[in-house]
């Protein structure tokens, strides 16, 4: 067996792909939520409590 022979039978590529897609979806949702917050004014005042 050479140094470049690998046994890939134990790897679950489908599960890894699904996890990767789920992670990407989660990251995209977080970015969209952050963008929505910035578009709403982006201040830290809940419900406009500190606006005059």
Protein backbone atom coordinates (compact mmCIF):
# COMPACT_ATOMS: atom_id res chain seq x y z
CA UNK A 1 0.00 0.00 0.00
CA UNK A 2 1.45 3.35 -0.98
CA UNK A 3 1.16 6.56 1.03
CA UNK A 4 -1.50 7.78 -1.39
CA UNK A 5 -3.96 4.90 -0.99
CA UNK A 6 -6.91 5.99 1.14
CA UNK A 7 -9.87 4.02 2.44
CA UNK A 8 -12.84 6.35 2.00
CA UNK A 9 -15.54 3.74 2.61
CA UNK A 10 -16.09 4.86 6.21
CA UNK A 11 -16.81 8.48 5.26
CA UNK A 12 -20.39 9.70 4.90
CA UNK A 13 -20.26 12.28 2.13
CA UNK A 14 -24.05 12.73 1.98
CA UNK A 15 -24.28 13.62 5.66
CA UNK A 16 -21.35 16.00 5.35
CA UNK A 17 -23.00 17.72 2.38
CA UNK A 18 -26.29 18.09 4.27
CA UNK A 19 -24.49 19.52 7.30
CA UNK A 20 -22.59 21.94 5.10
CA UNK A 21 -25.82 23.12 3.46
CA UNK A 22 -27.51 23.47 6.85
CA UNK A 23 -24.56 25.51 8.14
CA UNK A 24 -24.69 27.74 5.06
CA UNK A 25 -28.45 28.24 5.50
CA UNK A 26 -27.96 29.11 9.17
CA UNK A 27 -25.22 31.61 8.33
CA UNK A 28 -27.36 33.18 5.60
CA UNK A 29 -30.31 33.55 8.00
CA UNK A 30 -28.02 35.23 10.55
CA UNK A 31 -26.74 37.63 7.90
CA UNK A 32 -30.28 38.46 6.77
CA UNK A 33 -31.35 39.10 10.37
CA UNK A 34 -28.35 41.38 10.89
CA UNK A 35 -29.12 43.25 7.67
CA UNK A 36 -32.76 43.67 8.68
CA UNK A 37 -31.66 45.04 12.06
CA UNK A 38 -29.34 47.55 10.38
CA UNK A 39 -32.12 48.65 8.02
CA UNK A 40 -34.46 49.17 10.97
CA UNK A 41 -32.15 51.78 12.44
CA UNK A 42 -29.57 49.55 14.02
CA UNK A 43 -29.74 51.20 17.43
CA UNK A 44 -29.77 49.22 20.65
CA UNK A 45 -32.96 50.81 21.92
CA UNK A 46 -35.67 48.19 22.33
CA UNK A 47 -38.99 49.37 20.96
CA UNK A 48 -37.77 52.94 20.57
CA UNK A 49 -37.52 53.46 24.33
CA UNK A 50 -34.47 55.71 24.06
CA UNK A 51 -35.65 57.76 21.07
CA UNK A 52 -36.80 61.28 21.76
